[in-house]
C-alpha atoms as a PDB file:
ATOM      1  CA  UNK A   1     114.396  50.818 275.936  1.00  0.00           C
ATOM      2  CA  UNK A   2     114.430  53.159 278.899  1.00  0.00           C
ATOM      3  CA  UNK A   3     117.085  55.820 278.772  1.00  0.00           C
ATOM      4  CA  UNK A   4     117.581  55.591 275.017  1.00  0.00           C
ATOM      5  CA  UNK A   5     116.022  58.953 274.185  1.00  0.00           C
ATOM      6  CA  UNK A   6     115.896  60.782 277.506  1.00  0.00           C
ATOM      7  CA  UNK A   7     116.086  64.546 277.086  1.00  0.00           C
ATOM      8  CA  UNK A   8     116.431  64.539 273.295  1.00  0.00           C
ATOM      9  CA  UNK A   9     114.479  66.633 270.839  1.00  0.00           C
ATOM     10  CA  UNK A  10     112.083  65.070 268.375  1.00  0.00           C
ATOM     11  CA  UNK A  11     114.581  65.492 265.513  1.00  0.00           C
ATOM     12  CA  UNK A  12     117.292  63.657 267.417  1.00  0.00           C
ATOM     13  CA  UNK A  13     114.925  60.841 268.415  1.00  0.00           C
ATOM     14  CA  UNK A  14     113.754  60.346 264.835  1.00  0.00           C
ATOM     15  CA  UNK A  15     117.364  60.555 263.598  1.00  0.00           C
ATOM     16  CA  UNK A  16     118.470  57.806 265.995  1.00  0.00           C
ATOM     17  CA  UNK A  17     115.582  55.555 264.955  1.00  0.00           C
ATOM     18  CA  UNK A  18     116.373  56.150 261.287  1.00  0.00           C
ATOM     19  CA  UNK A  19     120.014  55.296 261.973  1.00  0.00           C
ATOM     20  CA  UNK A  20     118.951  51.946 263.432  1.00  0.00           C
ATOM     21  CA  UNK A  21     116.738  51.273 260.412  1.00  0.00           C
ATOM     22  CA  UNK A  22     119.501  52.349 258.007  1.00  0.00           C
ATOM     23  CA  UNK A  23     122.057  50.085 259.682  1.00  0.00           C
ATOM     24  CA  UNK A  24     119.657  47.125 259.573  1.00  0.00           C
ATOM     25  CA  UNK A  25     118.867  47.693 255.897  1.00  0.00           C
ATOM     26  CA  UNK A  26     122.579  48.149 255.184  1.00  0.00           C
ATOM     27  CA  UNK A  27     123.341  44.765 256.727  1.00  0.00           C
ATOM     28  CA  UNK A  28     120.546  43.226 254.658  1.00  0.00           C
ATOM     29  CA  UNK A  29     121.971  44.828 251.495  1.00  0.00           C
ATOM     30  CA  UNK A  30     125.403  43.518 252.437  1.00  0.00           C
ATOM     31  CA  UNK A  31     124.069  39.967 252.720  1.00  0.00           C
ATOM     32  CA  UNK A  32     122.494  40.250 249.270  1.00  0.00           C
ATOM     33  CA  UNK A  33     125.693  41.702 247.771  1.00  0.00           C
ATOM     34  CA  UNK A  34     127.783  38.864 249.156  1.00  0.00           C
ATOM     35  CA  UNK A  35     125.217  36.253 248.085  1.00  0.00           C
ATOM     36  CA  UNK A  36     124.878  37.548 244.530  1.00  0.00           C
ATOM     37  CA  UNK A  37     128.611  38.174 244.261  1.00  0.00           C
ATOM     38  CA  UNK A  38     129.293  34.502 244.908  1.00  0.00           C
ATOM     39  CA  UNK A  39     126.701  33.131 242.486  1.00  0.00           C
ATOM     40  CA  UNK A  40     128.108  31.567 239.392  1.00  0.00           C
ATOM     41  CA  UNK A  41     125.734  32.206 236.522  1.00  0.00           C
ATOM     42  CA  UNK A  42     128.226  32.657 233.710  1.00  0.00           C
ATOM     43  CA  UNK A  43     127.447  31.831 230.124  1.00  0.00           C
ATOM     44  CA  UNK A  44     129.505  31.908 226.988  1.00  0.00           C
ATOM     45  CA  UNK A  45     128.484  35.490 226.367  1.00  0.00           C
ATOM     46  CA  UNK A  46     128.559  36.906 229.907  1.00  0.00           C
ATOM     47  CA  UNK A  47     131.594  36.236 232.078  1.00  0.00           C
ATOM     48  CA  UNK A  48     130.277  36.483 235.611  1.00  0.00           C
ATOM     49  CA  UNK A  49     133.645  36.774 237.302  1.00  0.00           C
ATOM     50  CA  UNK A  50     133.673  40.484 236.418  1.00  0.00           C
ATOM     51  CA  UNK A  51     130.212  40.955 237.926  1.00  0.00           C
ATOM     52  CA  UNK A  52     131.048  38.857 240.985  1.00  0.00           C
ATOM     53  CA  UNK A  53     134.267  40.707 241.656  1.00  0.00           C
ATOM     54  CA  UNK A  54     132.500  44.052 241.370  1.00  0.00           C
ATOM     55  CA  UNK A  55     129.777  43.118 243.813  1.00  0.00           C
ATOM     56  CA  UNK A  56     132.309  41.821 246.321  1.00  0.00           C
ATOM     57  CA  UNK A  57     134.260  45.091 246.085  1.00  0.00           C
ATOM     58  CA  UNK A  58     130.992  46.974 246.590  1.00  0.00           C
ATOM     59  CA  UNK A  59     130.279  44.746 249.601  1.00  0.00           C
ATOM     60  CA  UNK A  60     133.662  45.666 251.098  1.00  0.00           C
ATOM     61  CA  UNK A  61     132.857  49.377 250.728  1.00  0.00           C
ATOM     62  CA  UNK A  62     129.414  48.745 252.227  1.00  0.00           C
ATOM     63  CA  UNK A  63     131.075  47.124 255.252  1.00  0.00           C
ATOM     64  CA  UNK A  64     133.073  50.323 255.756  1.00  0.00           C
ATOM     65  CA  UNK A  65     129.847  52.364 255.523  1.00  0.00           C
ATOM     66  CA  UNK A  66     128.111  50.160 258.075  1.00  0.00           C
ATOM     67  CA  UNK A  67     131.056  50.496 260.474  1.00  0.00           C
ATOM     68  CA  UNK A  68     130.944  54.295 260.151  1.00  0.00           C
ATOM     69  CA  UNK A  69     127.157  54.280 260.692  1.00  0.00           C
ATOM     70  CA  UNK A  70     127.485  52.103 263.809  1.00  0.00           C
ATOM     71  CA  UNK A  71     130.141  54.429 265.200  1.00  0.00           C
ATOM     72  CA  UNK A  72     127.773  57.328 264.501  1.00  0.00           C
ATOM     73  CA  UNK A  73     125.022  55.588 266.435  1.00  0.00           C
ATOM     74  CA  UNK A  74     127.417  55.017 269.342  1.00  0.00           C
ATOM     75  CA  UNK A  75     128.221  58.741 269.307  1.00  0.00           C
ATOM     76  CA  UNK A  76     124.492  59.508 269.349  1.00  0.00           C
ATOM     77  CA  UNK A  77     124.125  57.289 272.399  1.00  0.00           C
ATOM     78  CA  UNK A  78     126.874  59.334 274.083  1.00  0.00           C
ATOM     79  CA  UNK A  79     124.791  62.480 273.325  1.00  0.00           C
ATOM     80  CA  UNK A  80     127.380  63.757 270.815  1.00  0.00           C
ATOM     81  CA  UNK A  81     124.661  64.549 268.305  1.00  0.00           C
ATOM     82  CA  UNK A  82     126.662  66.751 265.936  1.00  0.00           C
ATOM     83  CA  UNK A  83     129.415  64.142 265.516  1.00  0.00           C
ATOM     84  CA  UNK A  84     126.772  61.430 265.054  1.00  0.00           C
ATOM     85  CA  UNK A  85     125.121  63.447 262.286  1.00  0.00           C
ATOM     86  CA  UNK A  86     128.427  63.989 260.509  1.00  0.00           C
ATOM     87  CA  UNK A  87     129.271  60.290 260.703  1.00  0.00           C
ATOM     88  CA  UNK A  88     125.824  59.364 259.343  1.00  0.00           C
ATOM     89  CA  UNK A  89     126.324  61.680 256.370  1.00  0.00           C
ATOM     90  CA  UNK A  90     129.819  60.253 255.758  1.00  0.00           C
ATOM     91  CA  UNK A  91     128.364  56.723 255.873  1.00  0.00           C
ATOM     92  CA  UNK A  92     125.850  57.824 253.262  1.00  0.00           C
ATOM     93  CA  UNK A  93     128.549  58.980 250.866  1.00  0.00           C
ATOM     94  CA  UNK A  94     130.146  55.534 250.742  1.00  0.00           C
ATOM     95  CA  UNK A  95     128.535  53.587 247.891  1.00  0.00           C
ATOM     96  CA  UNK A  96     125.880  52.287 247.559  1.00  0.00           C
ATOM     97  CA  UNK A  97     124.006  55.457 248.483  1.00  0.00           C
ATOM     98  CA  UNK A  98     121.880  55.068 251.607  1.00  0.00           C
ATOM     99  CA  UNK A  99     119.139  57.695 251.715  1.00  0.00           C
ATOM    100  CA  UNK A 100     117.798  56.622 255.117  1.00  0.00           C
ATOM    101  CA  UNK A 101     121.149  57.346 256.754  1.00  0.00           C
ATOM    102  CA  UNK A 102     121.325  60.661 254.885  1.00  0.00           C
ATOM    103  CA  UNK A 103     117.966  61.687 256.305  1.00  0.00           C
ATOM    104  CA  UNK A 104     119.026  60.523 259.774  1.00  0.00           C
ATOM    105  CA  UNK A 105     122.262  62.503 259.568  1.00  0.00           C
ATOM    106  CA  UNK A 106     120.490  65.648 258.409  1.00  0.00           C
ATOM    107  CA  UNK A 107     117.900  65.346 261.175  1.00  0.00           C
ATOM    108  CA  UNK A 108     120.658  64.939 263.740  1.00  0.00           C
ATOM    109  CA  UNK A 109     122.522  67.949 262.371  1.00  0.00           C
ATOM    110  CA  UNK A 110     119.471  70.241 262.512  1.00  0.00           C
ATOM    111  CA  UNK A 111     118.427  69.155 265.987  1.00  0.00           C
ATOM    112  CA  UNK A 112     118.772  71.679 268.820  1.00  0.00           C
ATOM    113  CA  UNK A 113     121.328  69.451 270.545  1.00  0.00           C
ATOM    114  CA  UNK A 114     123.727  69.767 267.605  1.00  0.00           C
ATOM    115  CA  UNK A 115     123.440  73.569 267.657  1.00  0.00           C
ATOM    116  CA  UNK A 116     124.467  73.782 271.333  1.00  0.00           C
ATOM    117  CA  UNK A 117     128.093  72.984 270.556  1.00  0.00           C
END
């Protein structure tokens, strides 16, 4: 994509790529959470409605994390690197923990563009 990384440091470029990968893997994890949350595999000894409800609540929190990560990527596209790094770290703190977004956020925060502010 021309224009995607014009004039950015190597840290910022890698951070943006890792944000894309983290968002894609987050969406994949969300699909699995919703799928397994709706499965009915209850037995006499294991009531699955507790497990299913928990995974659907976790999926709702994951949706919030994905929205924050996407808004961070949009900020990175606007060349607001420091805000993008902060949003990536905030998206990481929402469960389940996403280490790829954490690494992306830290790379964006240590890039020279974030220090210019």
